[in-house]
Amino acid sequence: MRVIFVPVADRPECAKALQTAFELGKRLGASVNGCHIRPLRKSATSMSDAAWRRKNSSKNAPEAAKRLYEQMAEQHGYEMIKRPRAKPGALYCERVGSPEKVLSIMGPVSDLTVVTRPTDRGSVAELFLNSALDETQRPVLVLPPAGRRNIGSKVVIAWNQSREAARAVKTAMPILQQADEVTIVSCGAEDRVGPKSSQIAGYLTHWGVKSRRVNTRGRDIEKELVAAFKEAGADLMIAGAYSRNRWREKVFGGTSDYLLRKAKIPVFMVHA
């Protein structure tokens, strides 16, 4: 990973996202690309869109966002740079448009997007989370609004034999290679078409990543994953996003939706 992207606004949850992005960037040797998104002058299309416009329509919003970003960059020893380079640095820009549009442009030219978990439906955080998952075509690191900011030392992989989970493991390899401990958690019988947890452990071994495996009963997957996360003393969970039809997942819930919106843990996800 060489480029970590963070939408920037002068808010406490954004400061947390920047802290995590810069700390992770230092470990991985990655640049951090911050972007303040300003709304177009037109009617809002949703509650979250309206809330975002209210919070970012102030004349002082761009200046405050840039000041926060520069403070975080300096705090973590990052040099502010004006153009991309091989050596890690802190890039900053402002863009006008909807989060969906801007993230569809900035996300694909980044290796990871960092956002915070929404606490309420229709919130600004939900608008950015959905845009990151749907538009960036890249992994998304979803952070709880409060709690620890260091991630990646003890990692749990939520393994369900799916292509989404396999893609998440592959894209998270730079983080896994830096981790002190990696735990692969499978819930219930591994009877789907796809690699078993023992095979993903073997794959990690080829990359120099040692891991241990845990299998739970599979009766309550969401609770079992969170319990295994806590038991491992983990600070990051890696999972695939929306292995079922996206519309059904939103309506009826599911493991992805639970991890994104209810579990108070950092989650690394890829929507395949």
Protein backbone atom coordinates (compact mmCIF):
# COMPACT_ATOMS: atom_id res chain seq x y z
CA MET A 1 0.00 0.00 0.00
CA ARG A 2 1.45 3.31 -1.07
CA VAL A 3 -1.51 5.71 -0.91
CA ILE A 4 -4.03 6.08 1.94
CA PHE A 5 -7.00 8.35 1.22
CA VAL A 6 -8.98 10.22 3.90
CA PRO A 7 -11.94 12.59 3.38
CA VAL A 8 -11.18 15.57 5.64
CA ALA A 9 -13.44 17.82 7.67
CA ASP A 10 -12.89 19.60 10.98
CA ARG A 11 -14.66 17.01 13.11
CA PRO A 12 -13.45 14.76 15.98
CA GLU A 13 -14.15 11.54 14.05
CA CYS A 14 -12.09 12.85 11.14
CA ALA A 15 -9.21 13.65 13.47
CA LYS A 16 -9.33 10.02 14.63
CA ALA A 17 -9.34 8.78 11.02
CA LEU A 18 -6.32 10.95 10.23
CA GLN A 19 -4.46 9.74 13.32
CA THR A 20 -4.97 6.15 12.23
CA ALA A 21 -4.13 6.87 8.59
CA PHE A 22 -0.84 8.58 9.41
CA GLU A 23 0.19 5.94 11.96
CA LEU A 24 -0.62 3.14 9.52
CA GLY A 25 1.08 5.05 6.72
CA LYS A 26 4.32 5.30 8.70
CA ARG A 27 4.38 1.54 9.26
CA LEU A 28 3.63 0.74 5.62
CA GLY A 29 5.70 3.50 4.03
CA ALA A 30 2.61 5.07 2.46
CA SER A 31 1.64 8.60 1.55
CA VAL A 32 -1.56 10.03 3.02
CA ASN A 33 -3.88 11.87 0.66
CA GLY A 34 -6.40 14.14 2.39
CA CYS A 35 -9.31 15.75 0.55
CA HIS A 36 -11.89 18.24 1.76
CA ILE A 37 -15.11 17.89 -0.25
CA ARG A 38 -17.27 20.99 -0.67
CA PRO A 39 -20.92 20.67 -1.73
CA LEU A 40 -22.38 22.03 -4.94
CA ARG A 41 -25.12 24.62 -4.58
CA LYS A 42 -28.18 22.49 -5.18
CA SER A 43 -30.92 20.78 -3.24
CA ALA A 44 -30.00 17.84 -1.04
CA THR A 45 -31.13 14.40 -2.19
CA SER A 46 -31.22 12.66 1.22
CA MET A 47 -31.13 13.33 4.96
CA SER A 48 -27.43 12.47 5.16
CA ASP A 49 -26.70 14.63 2.11
CA ALA A 50 -28.56 17.55 3.69
CA ALA A 51 -26.67 17.12 6.97
CA TRP A 52 -23.33 17.03 5.14
CA ARG A 53 -24.20 20.22 3.22
CA ARG A 54 -25.12 22.06 6.41
CA LYS A 55 -21.84 21.10 8.10
CA ASN A 56 -19.66 22.02 5.11
CA SER A 57 -21.35 25.12 3.72
CA SER A 58 -19.58 27.45 6.16
CA LYS A 59 -16.96 29.72 4.61
CA ASN A 60 -14.56 28.61 7.34
CA ALA A 61 -15.01 24.87 6.72
CA PRO A 62 -12.26 24.48 4.06
CA GLU A 63 -9.72 26.45 6.08
CA ALA A 64 -10.51 24.52 9.28
CA ALA A 65 -10.23 21.18 7.45
CA LYS A 66 -6.86 22.08 5.95
CA ARG A 67 -5.56 23.29 9.32
CA LEU A 68 -6.55 20.00 10.95
CA TYR A 69 -4.85 18.00 8.22
CA GLU A 70 -1.63 19.99 8.41
CA GLN A 71 -1.54 19.64 12.20
CA MET A 72 -1.95 15.87 11.97
CA ALA A 73 0.71 15.59 9.27
CA GLU A 74 3.20 17.59 11.35
CA GLN A 75 2.37 15.59 14.48
CA HIS A 76 3.29 12.36 12.66
CA GLY A 77 6.41 13.69 10.98
CA TYR A 78 4.91 13.86 7.47
CA GLU A 79 6.14 16.50 5.04
CA MET A 80 3.43 18.42 3.18
CA ILE A 81 3.98 17.92 -0.56
CA LYS A 82 2.27 19.42 -3.61
CA ARG A 83 2.60 16.49 -6.02
CA PRO A 84 2.97 12.70 -5.81
CA ARG A 85 6.39 11.15 -5.26
CA ALA A 86 7.84 7.76 -4.39
CA LYS A 87 8.87 8.86 -0.89
CA PRO A 88 5.91 9.05 1.55
CA GLY A 89 4.42 12.49 2.06
CA ALA A 90 1.19 14.29 2.93
CA LEU A 91 -0.89 15.45 -0.03
CA TYR A 92 -3.92 17.70 0.39
CA CYS A 93 -6.61 18.98 -1.96
CA GLU A 94 -10.13 20.38 -2.09
CA ARG A 95 -12.82 19.16 -4.46
CA VAL A 96 -16.34 20.38 -5.19
CA GLY A 97 -19.08 17.80 -5.72
CA SER A 98 -20.95 15.02 -3.99
CA PRO A 99 -19.05 12.45 -1.87
CA GLU A 100 -20.12 9.75 -4.34
CA LYS A 101 -18.59 11.61 -7.28
CA VAL A 102 -15.37 12.67 -5.55
CA LEU A 103 -14.72 9.23 -4.03
CA SER A 104 -15.35 7.59 -7.41
CA ILE A 105 -12.47 9.73 -8.72
CA MET A 106 -10.06 9.73 -5.77
CA GLY A 107 -10.72 6.22 -4.45
CA PRO A 108 -9.55 4.17 -7.44
CA VAL A 109 -6.16 5.93 -7.41
CA SER A 110 -5.63 5.09 -3.73
CA ASP A 111 -4.87 1.78 -2.03
CA LEU A 112 -7.05 2.30 1.03
CA THR A 113 -9.80 4.70 2.11
CA VAL A 114 -10.28 5.46 5.82
CA VAL A 115 -13.70 6.50 7.17
CA THR A 116 -15.55 6.26 10.50
CA ARG A 117 -18.49 4.03 11.35
CA PRO A 118 -21.93 5.71 11.33
CA THR A 119 -23.76 5.77 14.65
CA ASP A 120 -27.13 6.66 13.11
CA ARG A 121 -28.98 5.98 9.88
CA GLY A 122 -29.02 9.00 7.62
CA SER A 123 -25.87 10.47 9.18
CA VAL A 124 -22.97 12.14 7.38
CA ALA A 125 -20.75 9.19 8.34
CA GLU A 126 -23.16 6.80 6.61
CA LEU A 127 -23.05 8.91 3.44
CA PHE A 128 -19.25 8.67 3.32
CA LEU A 129 -19.19 4.99 4.30
CA ASN A 130 -21.59 4.01 1.52
CA SER A 131 -19.70 6.15 -0.99
CA ALA A 132 -16.39 4.58 0.02
CA LEU A 133 -17.71 1.02 -0.26
CA ASP A 134 -19.63 1.55 -3.49
CA GLU A 135 -17.44 3.94 -5.45
CA THR A 136 -13.75 3.51 -4.62
CA GLN A 137 -13.21 -0.05 -5.93
CA ARG A 138 -10.60 -0.34 -3.18
CA PRO A 139 -10.42 -1.56 0.44
CA VAL A 140 -12.10 0.56 3.10
CA LEU A 141 -10.96 0.82 6.72
CA VAL A 142 -13.99 1.57 8.91
CA LEU A 143 -13.17 2.93 12.37
CA PRO A 144 -15.46 3.21 15.40
CA PRO A 145 -16.10 6.84 16.36
CA ALA A 146 -14.35 6.35 19.69
CA GLY A 147 -11.68 4.07 21.10
CA ARG A 148 -8.18 3.06 20.08
CA ARG A 149 -6.55 4.55 17.01
CA ASN A 150 -3.61 2.13 16.53
CA ILE A 151 -4.57 -0.82 14.35
CA GLY A 152 -2.84 -3.76 12.70
CA SER A 153 -0.83 -5.32 15.54
CA LYS A 154 -3.25 -8.17 16.27
CA VAL A 155 -5.48 -9.00 13.33
CA VAL A 156 -8.50 -11.28 13.01
CA ILE A 157 -9.61 -12.59 9.60
CA ALA A 158 -13.34 -13.36 9.35
CA TRP A 159 -13.15 -16.35 6.99
CA ASN A 160 -16.27 -17.69 5.23
CA GLN A 161 -14.74 -19.29 2.10
CA SER A 162 -16.08 -16.46 -0.11
CA ARG A 163 -14.33 -14.61 -2.91
CA GLU A 164 -14.98 -11.36 -1.02
CA ALA A 165 -13.09 -12.65 2.02
CA ALA A 166 -10.27 -13.94 -0.20
CA ARG A 167 -9.97 -10.57 -1.91
CA ALA A 168 -9.91 -8.82 1.48
CA VAL A 169 -7.04 -11.04 2.64
CA LYS A 170 -5.09 -10.43 -0.54
CA THR A 171 -5.46 -6.65 -0.44
CA ALA A 172 -4.68 -6.54 3.29
CA MET A 173 -1.42 -8.46 2.86
CA PRO A 174 0.84 -5.44 3.62
CA ILE A 175 -0.97 -5.05 6.95
CA LEU A 176 -0.88 -8.78 7.68
CA GLN A 177 2.86 -8.90 7.03
CA GLN A 178 3.38 -6.19 9.65
CA ALA A 179 1.10 -7.80 12.25
CA ASP A 180 2.42 -9.47 15.40
CA GLU A 181 -0.47 -11.95 15.55
CA VAL A 182 -3.00 -13.15 12.96
CA THR A 183 -6.05 -15.25 13.83
CA ILE A 184 -8.31 -16.85 11.22
CA VAL A 185 -11.86 -17.29 12.52
CA SER A 186 -14.37 -19.54 10.76
CA CYS A 187 -17.92 -19.98 12.04
CA GLY A 188 -19.59 -23.35 11.70
CA ALA A 189 -18.91 -26.08 9.15
CA GLU A 190 -16.64 -25.17 6.25
CA ASP A 191 -18.90 -26.80 3.65
CA ARG A 192 -19.15 -24.03 1.05
CA VAL A 193 -17.38 -23.99 -2.30
CA GLY A 194 -14.11 -22.19 -1.63
CA PRO A 195 -10.85 -22.52 0.34
CA LYS A 196 -11.04 -23.78 3.89
CA SER A 197 -9.37 -21.92 6.75
CA SER A 198 -6.45 -24.36 6.66
CA GLN A 199 -5.85 -23.47 3.02
CA ILE A 200 -5.94 -19.71 3.65
CA ALA A 201 -3.47 -20.30 6.50
CA GLY A 202 -1.20 -22.09 4.03
CA TYR A 203 -1.52 -19.20 1.60
CA LEU A 204 -0.48 -16.74 4.31
CA THR A 205 2.54 -18.91 5.08
CA HIS A 206 3.78 -18.37 1.51
CA TRP A 207 3.79 -14.63 2.31
CA GLY A 208 5.68 -15.14 5.56
CA VAL A 209 2.61 -14.60 7.75
CA LYS A 210 2.13 -16.96 10.68
CA SER A 211 -1.44 -17.53 11.80
CA ARG A 212 -3.58 -19.60 14.09
CA ARG A 213 -7.10 -20.89 13.40
CA VAL A 214 -10.24 -20.70 15.51
CA ASN A 215 -13.53 -22.38 14.62
CA THR A 216 -16.79 -21.43 16.35
CA ARG A 217 -20.16 -23.19 16.35
CA GLY A 218 -21.73 -20.92 13.73
CA ARG A 219 -25.01 -20.48 15.58
CA ASP A 220 -24.70 -16.69 15.90
CA ILE A 221 -21.99 -15.63 13.49
CA GLU A 222 -21.94 -11.92 14.33
CA LYS A 223 -21.62 -12.44 18.10
CA GLU A 224 -19.10 -15.25 17.65
CA LEU A 225 -16.87 -13.10 15.43
CA VAL A 226 -16.87 -10.23 17.91
CA ALA A 227 -16.23 -12.64 20.82
CA ALA A 228 -13.28 -14.20 18.95
CA PHE A 229 -11.99 -10.69 18.19
CA LYS A 230 -12.05 -9.75 21.86
CA GLU A 231 -10.56 -13.07 22.97
CA ALA A 232 -7.63 -12.56 20.59
CA GLY A 233 -7.09 -9.03 21.95
CA ALA A 234 -7.30 -7.90 18.33
CA ASP A 235 -7.29 -4.33 17.03
CA LEU A 236 -8.45 -4.99 13.44
CA MET A 237 -10.85 -7.36 11.68
CA ILE A 238 -10.48 -8.19 7.98
CA ALA A 239 -13.66 -9.27 6.21
CA GLY A 240 -15.28 -9.37 2.80
CA ALA A 241 -18.26 -7.05 2.25
CA TYR A 242 -21.71 -7.98 0.99
CA SER A 243 -21.29 -11.58 -0.05
CA ARG A 244 -25.06 -11.67 -0.60
CA ASN A 245 -27.12 -9.45 -2.86
CA ARG A 246 -26.48 -5.86 -1.68
CA TRP A 247 -30.17 -4.92 -1.60
CA ARG A 248 -31.11 -7.98 0.48
CA GLU A 249 -28.21 -7.33 2.84
CA LYS A 250 -29.39 -3.77 3.47
CA VAL A 251 -33.01 -4.80 3.99
CA PHE A 252 -32.57 -7.98 6.01
CA GLY A 253 -29.25 -7.27 7.65
CA GLY A 254 -26.28 -9.63 7.60
CA THR A 255 -22.76 -10.10 8.85
CA SER A 256 -21.33 -7.29 6.69
CA ASP A 257 -23.97 -4.83 7.80
CA TYR A 258 -23.49 -5.84 11.45
CA LEU A 259 -19.73 -5.37 11.33
CA LEU A 260 -20.09 -2.02 9.57
CA ARG A 261 -22.82 -0.49 11.71
CA LYS A 262 -23.09 -2.25 15.06
CA ALA A 263 -19.77 -3.85 16.00
CA LYS A 264 -17.60 -1.29 17.77
CA ILE A 265 -14.36 -2.52 16.24
CA PRO A 266 -12.10 -1.41 13.35
CA VAL A 267 -12.98 -3.34 10.19
CA PHE A 268 -11.05 -3.64 6.91
CA MET A 269 -13.50 -4.47 4.10
CA VAL A 270 -13.53 -4.90 0.34
CA HIS A 271 -16.79 -4.80 -1.61
CA ALA A 272 -16.20 -7.25 -4.48
